[in-house]
Protein backbone atom coordinates (compact mmCIF):
# COMPACT_ATOMS: atom_id res chain seq x y z
CA UNK A 1 -6.00 -28.01 -2.77
CA UNK A 2 -2.67 -27.77 -4.60
CA UNK A 3 -4.37 -28.60 -7.90
CA UNK A 4 -7.01 -25.92 -7.32
CA UNK A 5 -4.32 -23.38 -6.40
CA UNK A 6 -2.26 -24.12 -9.52
CA UNK A 7 -5.38 -23.85 -11.70
CA UNK A 8 -6.23 -20.53 -10.04
CA UNK A 9 -2.69 -19.28 -10.64
CA UNK A 10 -3.19 -19.91 -14.37
CA UNK A 11 -6.65 -18.30 -14.27
CA UNK A 12 -5.22 -15.24 -12.52
CA UNK A 13 -2.38 -15.03 -15.04
CA UNK A 14 -4.93 -15.05 -17.89
CA UNK A 15 -7.10 -12.49 -16.08
CA UNK A 16 -4.11 -10.19 -15.63
CA UNK A 17 -3.32 -10.40 -19.35
CA UNK A 18 -6.96 -9.69 -20.24
CA UNK A 19 -6.95 -6.76 -17.81
CA UNK A 20 -3.75 -5.32 -19.30
CA UNK A 21 -5.04 -5.65 -22.87
CA UNK A 22 -8.41 -4.20 -21.86
CA UNK A 23 -6.81 -1.20 -20.19
CA UNK A 24 -4.61 -0.64 -23.23
CA UNK A 25 -7.67 -0.86 -25.50
CA UNK A 26 -9.56 1.70 -23.41
CA UNK A 27 -6.52 4.00 -23.39
CA UNK A 28 -5.99 3.79 -27.17
CA UNK A 29 -9.69 4.25 -28.01
CA UNK A 30 -10.17 7.16 -25.61
CA UNK A 31 -6.95 8.91 -26.66
CA UNK A 32 -7.73 8.31 -30.33
CA UNK A 33 -11.21 9.72 -29.87
CA UNK A 34 -9.81 12.86 -28.20
CA UNK A 35 -7.32 13.36 -31.04
CA UNK A 36 -10.02 12.76 -33.67
CA UNK A 37 -12.32 15.24 -31.95
CA UNK A 38 -9.69 17.97 -31.49
CA UNK A 39 -7.78 17.59 -34.75
CA UNK A 40 -10.45 16.44 -37.20
CA UNK A 41 -13.53 17.84 -35.39
CA UNK A 42 -15.12 14.40 -35.70
CA UNK A 43 -15.79 12.10 -32.77
CA UNK A 44 -15.58 8.31 -32.96
CA UNK A 45 -19.07 7.37 -31.80
CA UNK A 46 -18.27 3.69 -31.51
CA UNK A 47 -15.68 4.21 -28.77
CA UNK A 48 -18.32 4.87 -26.13
CA UNK A 49 -19.98 1.49 -26.69
CA UNK A 50 -16.72 -0.42 -26.55
CA UNK A 51 -15.22 1.50 -23.62
CA UNK A 52 -18.32 1.09 -21.43
CA UNK A 53 -18.50 -2.64 -22.13
CA UNK A 54 -14.78 -3.14 -21.52
CA UNK A 55 -14.99 -1.12 -18.29
CA UNK A 56 -17.56 -3.64 -17.02
CA UNK A 57 -15.12 -6.44 -17.81
CA UNK A 58 -12.24 -4.57 -16.17
CA UNK A 59 -14.22 -3.77 -13.01
CA UNK A 60 -15.44 -7.33 -12.47
CA UNK A 61 -12.16 -9.08 -13.32
CA UNK A 62 -10.17 -6.64 -11.21
CA UNK A 63 -12.58 -7.21 -8.31
CA UNK A 64 -12.06 -10.96 -8.71
CA UNK A 65 -8.29 -10.63 -8.69
CA UNK A 66 -8.51 -8.31 -5.67
CA UNK A 67 -10.77 -10.81 -3.88
CA UNK A 68 -8.07 -13.44 -4.32
CA UNK A 69 -5.79 -11.72 -1.83
CA UNK A 70 -8.52 -10.18 0.32
CA UNK A 71 -7.98 -6.81 -1.36
CA UNK A 72 -11.63 -5.88 -1.58
CA UNK A 73 -12.85 -3.35 0.92
CA UNK A 74 -14.19 -4.95 4.07
CA UNK A 75 -15.05 -3.90 7.57
CA UNK A 76 -12.76 -5.34 10.23
CA UNK A 77 -14.67 -3.90 13.17
CA UNK A 78 -15.77 -7.28 14.53
CA UNK A 79 -13.23 -9.75 13.06
CA UNK A 80 -10.27 -7.78 14.39
CA UNK A 81 -11.49 -8.18 17.97
CA UNK A 82 -12.36 -11.88 18.13
CA UNK A 83 -10.42 -15.10 18.42
CA UNK A 84 -8.80 -16.74 15.37
CA UNK A 85 -11.42 -19.50 15.42
CA UNK A 86 -14.24 -16.94 15.35
CA UNK A 87 -12.41 -15.07 12.60
CA UNK A 88 -12.49 -18.23 10.48
CA UNK A 89 -16.19 -18.67 11.10
CA UNK A 90 -16.90 -15.04 10.17
CA UNK A 91 -14.70 -15.36 7.08
CA UNK A 92 -16.59 -18.46 5.94
CA UNK A 93 -19.94 -16.71 6.48
CA UNK A 94 -18.67 -13.69 4.57
CA UNK A 95 -17.42 -15.90 1.75
CA UNK A 96 -20.73 -17.75 1.52
CA UNK A 97 -22.57 -14.43 1.19
CA UNK A 98 -20.08 -13.16 -1.41
CA UNK A 99 -20.30 -16.41 -3.40
CA UNK A 100 -24.11 -16.20 -3.33
CA UNK A 101 -23.88 -12.64 -4.66
CA UNK A 102 -21.41 -13.69 -7.36
CA UNK A 103 -23.57 -16.61 -8.43
CA UNK A 104 -26.65 -14.36 -8.62
CA UNK A 105 -24.62 -11.92 -10.72
CA UNK A 106 -23.56 -14.77 -13.02
CA UNK A 107 -27.10 -16.14 -13.21
CA UNK A 108 -28.50 -12.69 -14.05
CA UNK A 109 -25.85 -12.28 -16.76
CA UNK A 110 -26.82 -15.64 -18.28
CA UNK A 111 -30.48 -14.61 -18.11
CA UNK A 112 -29.70 -11.37 -19.92
CA UNK A 113 -27.77 -13.25 -22.58
CA UNK A 114 -30.78 -15.46 -23.18
CA UNK A 115 -33.31 -12.61 -23.11
CA UNK A 116 -31.53 -9.72 -24.82
CA UNK A 117 -31.45 -10.24 -28.57
CA UNK A 118 -30.82 -6.59 -29.36
CA UNK A 119 -27.79 -5.00 -30.95
CA UNK A 120 -25.69 -2.04 -29.89
CA UNK A 121 -26.89 1.15 -31.60
CA UNK A 122 -23.68 2.18 -33.36
CA UNK A 123 -21.62 -0.98 -34.01
CA UNK A 124 -24.61 -3.33 -34.27
CA UNK A 125 -22.83 -5.89 -32.11
CA UNK A 126 -25.09 -8.32 -30.23
CA UNK A 127 -25.48 -7.11 -26.65
CA UNK A 128 -25.09 -10.72 -25.56
CA UNK A 129 -21.34 -10.19 -25.93
CA UNK A 130 -21.46 -7.39 -23.39
CA UNK A 131 -23.61 -9.47 -21.01
CA UNK A 132 -21.02 -12.22 -21.40
CA UNK A 133 -18.57 -9.91 -19.64
CA UNK A 134 -20.88 -9.95 -16.59
CA UNK A 135 -20.91 -13.76 -16.63
CA UNK A 136 -17.12 -13.95 -16.89
CA UNK A 137 -16.75 -11.45 -14.05
CA UNK A 138 -19.23 -13.30 -11.86
CA UNK A 139 -17.40 -16.59 -12.37
CA UNK A 140 -14.09 -14.87 -11.61
CA UNK A 141 -15.47 -13.41 -8.40
CA UNK A 142 -16.91 -16.77 -7.32
CA UNK A 143 -13.66 -18.64 -7.88
CA UNK A 144 -11.51 -16.02 -6.18
CA UNK A 145 -13.80 -15.70 -3.14
CA UNK A 146 -13.57 -19.46 -2.69
CA UNK A 147 -9.80 -19.41 -3.17
CA UNK A 148 -9.40 -16.61 -0.61
CA UNK A 149 -11.53 -18.47 1.93
CA UNK A 150 -9.56 -21.67 1.49
CA UNK A 151 -6.29 -19.78 1.87
CA UNK A 152 -7.58 -17.99 4.98
CA UNK A 153 -8.88 -21.16 6.62
CA UNK A 154 -5.70 -23.16 5.88
CA UNK A 155 -3.40 -20.59 7.50
CA UNK A 156 -1.90 -21.36 10.84
CA UNK A 157 -3.62 -19.83 13.86
CA UNK A 158 -0.77 -17.47 14.75
CA UNK A 159 -0.90 -15.67 11.37
CA UNK A 160 -4.37 -14.22 12.07
CA UNK A 161 -3.27 -11.79 14.75
């Protein structure tokens, strides 16, 4: 467990760096495109392709990092009113469903990488790169859902209330 946790700390550190760089990239491209459009009356067409693809990466990695600490939106209607033992059971069931979803997302991303041999219309970049972001996000979600479940189940009983 300690080895897994230390590996996940490194993974999260890398994800946070990728998220920061990605947000900076989106900011620079979008701001640059606005300036180019207003000052030079010429839009950078390529920014839309990059920004949309990077937003997919940002959304999935950020969801993974949020899942690590239980920060994703959930409904506590039932778990808040049951015993700690039942809470653990419900949390495990929830995690299994979330991991199944994440694995399907990853599998679909891999399938798209294998099937989509087209290129983006403006930059002519293989779309497999963009589908790779879905795979990376799906793996991130899977790992963080598992990490959150392990953390939740290893807590002492009194911390659940």
